[in-house]
Amino acid sequence: MIVRFAPQNLGELLDRIGNVPAERIGMDPPPGRATEADVLRHLESADKRLYELVDGTLVEKAVGSRESMIAGEILTFFNNRIRGRDLGVVLGGDGAVRLMPGNIRYPDVSFIAWGAFPNDDLPEEAIWSVTPTLAVEVLSRSNTRREIERKLYDLFTTGCKMAWIIDPTTESARVYSSVTRFKDLDTAGVLDGGKILPGFKLPLVDLFAATKRRKKKSK
């Protein structure tokens, strides 16, 4: 059953999708009437807008250059870790996944174990009907707490095992093992792949150092 929601007013709509800024809500088609076809239509348009689909409403993905750089570093660390071990595949921020009936999300980084794919074959379709085994979100300024909570709900209720929420402002992270269970990491913390990515460890200090220019040694 595909989730549909017909908001009675703007407040009800914003509460449903996580109080995202109004400028990120797509109006073509109106909220509550959007479908997967609309997501693909906007994605393939001249300006290539990345819209997530939340209960029939188009919500533009929050993006930023620094956030993209951090996500790229994590993606690189993932690929370096799984290369040669045949653990699964990694998607970047424009890799769409179908979560819950009718909802579509674009995690900033997704690790998907091979076991999620029937017969170990990668789907041919533009949007994959698989849930990331481990999902990563790098917070942008326009992300709201409620928005992230809703996204985590969509992820974990469809089979996600772990999610990392990275905060570039505080150079910290929150590691979720379920919608309600999490652990906070400060700058000295280490992201651990656990049973999902055995042996994978990424100190936050190394992650954020990779986004800064190295200081030249004085002669």
C-alpha atoms as a PDB file:
ATOM      1  CA  MET A   1       0.000   0.000   0.000  1.00  0.00           C
ATOM      2  CA  ILE A   2       1.430   3.393  -1.056  1.00  0.00           C
ATOM      3  CA  VAL A   3       1.351   6.091   1.616  1.00  0.00           C
ATOM      4  CA  ARG A   4      -0.791   9.079   0.683  1.00  0.00           C
ATOM      5  CA  PHE A   5      -1.454  12.152   2.798  1.00  0.00           C
ATOM      6  CA  ALA A   6      -3.854  14.990   2.041  1.00  0.00           C
ATOM      7  CA  PRO A   7      -2.866  17.912   4.331  1.00  0.00           C
ATOM      8  CA  GLN A   8      -5.662  20.161   5.522  1.00  0.00           C
ATOM      9  CA  ASN A   9      -3.335  23.106   6.073  1.00  0.00           C
ATOM     10  CA  LEU A  10       0.342  24.114   5.864  1.00  0.00           C
ATOM     11  CA  GLY A  11       0.980  23.422   9.548  1.00  0.00           C
ATOM     12  CA  GLU A  12      -0.279  19.863   9.234  1.00  0.00           C
ATOM     13  CA  LEU A  13       1.876  19.320   6.160  1.00  0.00           C
ATOM     14  CA  LEU A  14       5.056  20.669   7.785  1.00  0.00           C
ATOM     15  CA  ASP A  15       4.500  18.574  10.908  1.00  0.00           C
ATOM     16  CA  ARG A  16       4.065  15.448   8.797  1.00  0.00           C
ATOM     17  CA  ILE A  17       7.269  15.835   6.777  1.00  0.00           C
ATOM     18  CA  GLY A  18       9.488  17.130   9.592  1.00  0.00           C
ATOM     19  CA  ASN A  19       9.114  20.927   9.644  1.00  0.00           C
ATOM     20  CA  VAL A  20      11.426  21.413   6.679  1.00  0.00           C
ATOM     21  CA  PRO A  21      11.765  24.999   5.387  1.00  0.00           C
ATOM     22  CA  ALA A  22       8.843  25.837   3.124  1.00  0.00           C
ATOM     23  CA  GLU A  23      11.159  26.721   0.231  1.00  0.00           C
ATOM     24  CA  ARG A  24      12.204  23.059   0.010  1.00  0.00           C
ATOM     25  CA  ILE A  25       8.647  21.812  -0.556  1.00  0.00           C
ATOM     26  CA  GLY A  26       7.880  21.165  -4.210  1.00  0.00           C
ATOM     27  CA  MET A  27       4.547  22.375  -5.574  1.00  0.00           C
ATOM     28  CA  ASP A  28       4.539  20.526  -8.913  1.00  0.00           C
ATOM     29  CA  PRO A  29       2.391  18.577  -8.241  1.00  0.00           C
ATOM     30  CA  PRO A  30       0.810  19.972  -5.047  1.00  0.00           C
ATOM     31  CA  PRO A  31       1.756  18.372  -1.695  1.00  0.00           C
ATOM     32  CA  GLY A  32       0.090  15.031  -1.115  1.00  0.00           C
ATOM     33  CA  ARG A  33      -0.315  14.244  -4.819  1.00  0.00           C
ATOM     34  CA  ALA A  34       3.255  13.534  -5.928  1.00  0.00           C
ATOM     35  CA  THR A  35       4.361  10.118  -7.131  1.00  0.00           C
ATOM     36  CA  GLU A  36       7.603   8.371  -8.020  1.00  0.00           C
ATOM     37  CA  ALA A  37       7.088   9.478 -11.617  1.00  0.00           C
ATOM     38  CA  ASP A  38       7.281  13.108 -10.456  1.00  0.00           C
ATOM     39  CA  VAL A  39      10.574  12.426  -8.660  1.00  0.00           C
ATOM     40  CA  LEU A  40      12.030  11.023 -11.879  1.00  0.00           C
ATOM     41  CA  ARG A  41      10.569  13.833 -13.993  1.00  0.00           C
ATOM     42  CA  HIS A  42      12.276  16.508 -11.890  1.00  0.00           C
ATOM     43  CA  LEU A  43      15.499  14.487 -11.739  1.00  0.00           C
ATOM     44  CA  GLU A  44      15.621  14.261 -15.521  1.00  0.00           C
ATOM     45  CA  SER A  45      14.668  17.905 -16.103  1.00  0.00           C
ATOM     46  CA  ALA A  46      17.137  20.557 -17.276  1.00  0.00           C
ATOM     47  CA  ASP A  47      17.853  21.809 -13.746  1.00  0.00           C
ATOM     48  CA  LYS A  48      17.987  18.256 -12.271  1.00  0.00           C
ATOM     49  CA  ARG A  49      16.285  18.836  -8.920  1.00  0.00           C
ATOM     50  CA  LEU A  50      16.745  16.102  -6.315  1.00  0.00           C
ATOM     51  CA  TYR A  51      13.413  15.652  -4.578  1.00  0.00           C
ATOM     52  CA  GLU A  52      12.733  13.058  -1.920  1.00  0.00           C
ATOM     53  CA  LEU A  53       9.185  11.734  -1.800  1.00  0.00           C
ATOM     54  CA  VAL A  54       7.582  11.816   1.644  1.00  0.00           C
ATOM     55  CA  ASP A  55       3.965  10.656   1.862  1.00  0.00           C
ATOM     56  CA  GLY A  56       3.108  12.079  -1.540  1.00  0.00           C
ATOM     57  CA  THR A  57       5.022  15.355  -1.059  1.00  0.00           C
ATOM     58  CA  LEU A  58       8.178  16.409  -2.901  1.00  0.00           C
ATOM     59  CA  VAL A  59      10.882  17.604  -0.478  1.00  0.00           C
ATOM     60  CA  GLU A  60      14.048  18.975  -2.057  1.00  0.00           C
ATOM     61  CA  LYS A  61      17.202  17.357  -0.719  1.00  0.00           C
ATOM     62  CA  ALA A  62      19.279  19.745   1.401  1.00  0.00           C
ATOM     63  CA  VAL A  63      22.754  20.095  -0.105  1.00  0.00           C
ATOM     64  CA  GLY A  64      25.900  22.114   0.476  1.00  0.00           C
ATOM     65  CA  SER A  65      29.477  22.033  -0.804  1.00  0.00           C
ATOM     66  CA  ARG A  66      31.122  21.279   2.565  1.00  0.00           C
ATOM     67  CA  GLU A  67      28.545  18.615   3.350  1.00  0.00           C
ATOM     68  CA  SER A  68      29.134  17.071  -0.061  1.00  0.00           C
ATOM     69  CA  MET A  69      32.888  17.032   0.547  1.00  0.00           C
ATOM     70  CA  ILE A  70      32.474  15.275   3.911  1.00  0.00           C
ATOM     71  CA  ALA A  71      30.105  12.734   2.385  1.00  0.00           C
ATOM     72  CA  GLY A  72      32.626  12.168  -0.401  1.00  0.00           C
ATOM     73  CA  GLU A  73      35.353  11.435   2.128  1.00  0.00           C
ATOM     74  CA  ILE A  74      33.147   8.893   3.895  1.00  0.00           C
ATOM     75  CA  LEU A  75      32.266   7.293   0.561  1.00  0.00           C
ATOM     76  CA  THR A  76      35.986   7.021  -0.247  1.00  0.00           C
ATOM     77  CA  PHE A  77      36.722   5.452   3.147  1.00  0.00           C
ATOM     78  CA  PHE A  78      33.894   2.956   2.554  1.00  0.00           C
ATOM     79  CA  ASN A  79      35.091   2.006  -0.907  1.00  0.00           C
ATOM     80  CA  ASN A  80      38.669   1.585   0.287  1.00  0.00           C
ATOM     81  CA  ARG A  81      37.426  -0.683   3.063  1.00  0.00           C
ATOM     82  CA  ILE A  82      35.168  -2.944   1.018  1.00  0.00           C
ATOM     83  CA  ARG A  83      37.298  -3.085  -2.126  1.00  0.00           C
ATOM     84  CA  GLY A  84      38.472  -6.655  -2.555  1.00  0.00           C
ATOM     85  CA  ARG A  85      36.255  -7.957   0.249  1.00  0.00           C
ATOM     86  CA  ASP A  86      33.055  -8.151  -1.810  1.00  0.00           C
ATOM     87  CA  LEU A  87      30.836  -6.990   1.051  1.00  0.00           C
ATOM     88  CA  GLY A  88      28.358  -4.928  -0.959  1.00  0.00           C
ATOM     89  CA  VAL A  89      28.026  -1.657  -2.846  1.00  0.00           C
ATOM     90  CA  VAL A  90      28.239   2.023  -1.932  1.00  0.00           C
ATOM     91  CA  LEU A  91      26.036   4.830  -3.267  1.00  0.00           C
ATOM     92  CA  GLY A  92      26.603   8.570  -3.119  1.00  0.00           C
ATOM     93  CA  GLY A  93      24.108  11.324  -2.424  1.00  0.00           C
ATOM     94  CA  ASP A  94      22.317  10.996  -5.764  1.00  0.00           C
ATOM     95  CA  GLY A  95      21.623   7.290  -5.267  1.00  0.00           C
ATOM     96  CA  ALA A  96      17.864   6.968  -4.735  1.00  0.00           C
ATOM     97  CA  VAL A  97      16.327   4.173  -2.645  1.00  0.00           C
ATOM     98  CA  ARG A  98      12.687   3.240  -2.180  1.00  0.00           C
ATOM     99  CA  LEU A  99      11.778   3.122   1.532  1.00  0.00           C
ATOM    100  CA  MET A 100       8.403   2.256   3.020  1.00  0.00           C
ATOM    101  CA  PRO A 101       5.478   2.040   0.594  1.00  0.00           C
ATOM    102  CA  GLY A 102       5.888   4.941  -1.807  1.00  0.00           C
ATOM    103  CA  ASN A 103       8.620   6.959  -0.049  1.00  0.00           C
ATOM    104  CA  ILE A 104      11.934   7.741  -1.763  1.00  0.00           C
ATOM    105  CA  ARG A 105      15.101   8.921  -0.037  1.00  0.00           C
ATOM    106  CA  TYR A 106      18.605  10.034  -1.019  1.00  0.00           C
ATOM    107  CA  PRO A 107      20.985   9.270   1.878  1.00  0.00           C
ATOM    108  CA  ASP A 108      24.275  11.160   1.536  1.00  0.00           C
ATOM    109  CA  VAL A 109      26.086   7.804   1.599  1.00  0.00           C
ATOM    110  CA  SER A 110      24.577   4.315   1.519  1.00  0.00           C
ATOM    111  CA  PHE A 111      26.307   0.995   2.103  1.00  0.00           C
ATOM    112  CA  ILE A 112      24.135  -1.872   0.873  1.00  0.00           C
ATOM    113  CA  ALA A 113      25.198  -5.428   1.673  1.00  0.00           C
ATOM    114  CA  TRP A 114      24.922  -7.956  -1.142  1.00  0.00           C
ATOM    115  CA  GLY A 115      22.280  -9.848   0.824  1.00  0.00           C
ATOM    116  CA  ALA A 116      19.809  -7.052   0.121  1.00  0.00           C
ATOM    117  CA  PHE A 117      19.807  -7.853  -3.609  1.00  0.00           C
ATOM    118  CA  PRO A 118      17.866 -10.845  -4.932  1.00  0.00           C
ATOM    119  CA  ASN A 119      20.321 -13.208  -6.627  1.00  0.00           C
ATOM    120  CA  ASP A 120      23.106 -10.651  -5.954  1.00  0.00           C
ATOM    121  CA  ASP A 121      22.095  -8.744  -9.087  1.00  0.00           C
ATOM    122  CA  LEU A 122      22.119  -4.927  -9.170  1.00  0.00           C
ATOM    123  CA  PRO A 123      18.723  -3.482 -10.179  1.00  0.00           C
ATOM    124  CA  GLU A 124      18.334  -1.968 -13.625  1.00  0.00           C
ATOM    125  CA  GLU A 125      15.768   0.626 -12.462  1.00  0.00           C
ATOM    126  CA  ALA A 126      16.640   4.242 -11.619  1.00  0.00           C
ATOM    127  CA  ILE A 127      15.373   3.923  -8.047  1.00  0.00           C
ATOM    128  CA  TRP A 128      16.402   0.814  -6.140  1.00  0.00           C
ATOM    129  CA  SER A 129      13.955  -1.071  -3.927  1.00  0.00           C
ATOM    130  CA  VAL A 130      16.573  -1.766  -1.265  1.00  0.00           C
ATOM    131  CA  THR A 131      17.225  -0.331   2.164  1.00  0.00           C
ATOM    132  CA  PRO A 132      20.772   0.773   3.010  1.00  0.00           C
ATOM    133  CA  THR A 133      22.383  -1.548   5.525  1.00  0.00           C
ATOM    134  CA  LEU A 134      24.247   1.515   6.797  1.00  0.00           C
ATOM    135  CA  ALA A 135      23.085   5.028   5.902  1.00  0.00           C
ATOM    136  CA  VAL A 136      24.924   8.311   6.415  1.00  0.00           C
ATOM    137  CA  GLU A 137      23.455  11.807   6.578  1.00  0.00           C
ATOM    138  CA  VAL A 138      25.681  14.888   6.744  1.00  0.00           C
ATOM    139  CA  LEU A 139      23.660  17.717   8.256  1.00  0.00           C
ATOM    140  CA  SER A 140      23.053  20.860   6.207  1.00  0.00           C
ATOM    141  CA  ARG A 141      21.875  24.167   7.634  1.00  0.00           C
ATOM    142  CA  SER A 142      18.319  23.662   6.438  1.00  0.00           C
ATOM    143  CA  ASN A 143      17.953  20.172   7.915  1.00  0.00           C
ATOM    144  CA  THR A 144      15.654  20.072  10.928  1.00  0.00           C
ATOM    145  CA  ARG A 145      15.695  17.676  13.868  1.00  0.00           C
ATOM    146  CA  ARG A 146      12.199  16.459  13.009  1.00  0.00           C
ATOM    147  CA  GLU A 147      13.194  15.904   9.383  1.00  0.00           C
ATOM    148  CA  ILE A 148      16.102  13.669  10.388  1.00  0.00           C
ATOM    149  CA  GLU A 149      13.922  11.801  12.881  1.00  0.00           C
ATOM    150  CA  ARG A 150      11.395  11.091  10.133  1.00  0.00           C
ATOM    151  CA  LYS A 151      14.121   9.944   7.759  1.00  0.00           C
ATOM    152  CA  LEU A 152      15.517   7.612  10.423  1.00  0.00           C
ATOM    153  CA  TYR A 153      12.034   6.193  10.951  1.00  0.00           C
ATOM    154  CA  ASP A 154      11.717   5.477   7.233  1.00  0.00           C
ATOM    155  CA  LEU A 155      15.147   3.824   7.184  1.00  0.00           C
ATOM    156  CA  PHE A 156      14.859   1.609  10.248  1.00  0.00           C
ATOM    157  CA  THR A 157      11.269   0.489   9.661  1.00  0.00           C
ATOM    158  CA  THR A 158      12.373  -0.899   6.295  1.00  0.00           C
ATOM    159  CA  GLY A 159      15.439  -2.777   7.537  1.00  0.00           C
ATOM    160  CA  CYS A 160      18.377  -0.387   7.997  1.00  0.00           C
ATOM    161  CA  LYS A 161      20.845  -1.691  10.600  1.00  0.00           C
ATOM    162  CA  MET A 162      22.862   1.450  11.381  1.00  0.00           C
ATOM    163  CA  ALA A 163      22.785   5.173  10.592  1.00  0.00           C
ATOM    164  CA  TRP A 164      25.387   7.878  11.125  1.00  0.00           C
ATOM    165  CA  ILE A 165      24.311  11.499  11.451  1.00  0.00           C
ATOM    166  CA  ILE A 166      27.345  13.733  10.935  1.00  0.00           C
ATOM    167  CA  ASP A 167      27.321  17.332  12.205  1.00  0.00           C
ATOM    168  CA  PRO A 168      29.968  19.436  10.415  1.00  0.00           C
ATOM    169  CA  THR A 169      29.352  22.464  12.654  1.00  0.00           C
ATOM    170  CA  THR A 170      30.315  20.711  15.895  1.00  0.00           C
ATOM    171  CA  GLU A 171      32.517  18.084  14.164  1.00  0.00           C
ATOM    172  CA  SER A 172      30.578  15.395  15.987  1.00  0.00           C
ATOM    173  CA  ALA A 173      28.323  12.474  15.113  1.00  0.00           C
ATOM    174  CA  ARG A 174      25.397  10.468  16.406  1.00  0.00           C
ATOM    175  CA  VAL A 175      25.359   6.730  15.698  1.00  0.00           C
ATOM    176  CA  TYR A 176      21.933   5.071  15.566  1.00  0.00           C
ATOM    177  CA  SER A 177      21.288   1.347  15.900  1.00  0.00           C
ATOM    178  CA  SER A 178      17.509   1.892  15.864  1.00  0.00           C
ATOM    179  CA  VAL A 179      15.118   4.828  15.732  1.00  0.00           C
ATOM    180  CA  THR A 180      15.444   5.376  19.483  1.00  0.00           C
ATOM    181  CA  ARG A 181      18.872   3.932  20.325  1.00  0.00           C
ATOM    182  CA  PHE A 182      21.909   6.069  19.609  1.00  0.00           C
ATOM    183  CA  LYS A 183      25.377   7.015  20.835  1.00  0.00           C
ATOM    184  CA  ASP A 184      26.887  10.485  20.610  1.00  0.00           C
ATOM    185  CA  LEU A 185      30.487  10.926  19.475  1.00  0.00           C
ATOM    186  CA  ASP A 186      32.482  14.091  20.044  1.00  0.00           C
ATOM    187  CA  THR A 187      35.470  15.168  17.979  1.00  0.00           C
ATOM    188  CA  ALA A 188      37.610  12.496  19.649  1.00  0.00           C
ATOM    189  CA  GLY A 189      35.108   9.753  18.762  1.00  0.00           C
ATOM    190  CA  VAL A 190      35.529   6.957  16.231  1.00  0.00           C
ATOM    191  CA  LEU A 191      32.934   5.741  13.732  1.00  0.00           C
ATOM    192  CA  ASP A 192      32.877   1.941  13.918  1.00  0.00           C
ATOM    193  CA  GLY A 193      31.410  -0.329  11.247  1.00  0.00           C
ATOM    194  CA  GLY A 194      30.688  -3.066  13.789  1.00  0.00           C
ATOM    195  CA  LYS A 195      29.321  -6.301  12.327  1.00  0.00           C
ATOM    196  CA  ILE A 196      28.173  -4.469   9.197  1.00  0.00           C
ATOM    197  CA  LEU A 197      31.678  -3.429   8.121  1.00  0.00           C
ATOM    198  CA  PRO A 198      34.017  -5.540  10.275  1.00  0.00           C
ATOM    199  CA  GLY A 199      37.239  -3.766  11.129  1.00  0.00           C
ATOM    200  CA  PHE A 200      36.117  -0.406   9.732  1.00  0.00           C
ATOM    201  CA  LYS A 201      37.089   2.479  11.989  1.00  0.00           C
ATOM    202  CA  LEU A 202      37.087   6.157  11.070  1.00  0.00           C
ATOM    203  CA  PRO A 203      38.217   8.683  13.689  1.00  0.00           C
ATOM    204  CA  LEU A 204      36.180  11.865  13.371  1.00  0.00           C
ATOM    205  CA  VAL A 205      39.346  13.900  13.709  1.00  0.00           C
ATOM    206  CA  ASP A 206      40.650  12.220  10.530  1.00  0.00           C
ATOM    207  CA  LEU A 207      37.367  12.724   8.704  1.00  0.00           C
ATOM    208  CA  PHE A 208      37.211  16.444   9.368  1.00  0.00           C
ATOM    209  CA  ALA A 209      40.957  16.914   8.875  1.00  0.00           C
ATOM    210  CA  ALA A 210      40.469  15.625   5.336  1.00  0.00           C
ATOM    211  CA  THR A 211      38.291  18.658   4.604  1.00  0.00           C
ATOM    212  CA  LYS A 212      40.952  21.172   5.659  1.00  0.00           C
ATOM    213  CA  ARG A 213      44.133  22.306   3.989  1.00  0.00           C
ATOM    214  CA  ARG A 214      47.256  20.764   5.436  1.00  0.00           C
ATOM    215  CA  LYS A 215      49.499  23.236   7.185  1.00  0.00           C
ATOM    216  CA  LYS A 216      52.883  23.637   5.570  1.00  0.00           C
ATOM    217  CA  LYS A 217      55.814  22.760   7.732  1.00  0.00           C
ATOM    218  CA  SER A 218      58.020  25.723   8.504  1.00  0.00           C
ATOM    219  CA  LYS A 219      61.554  25.439   7.097  1.00  0.00           C
END
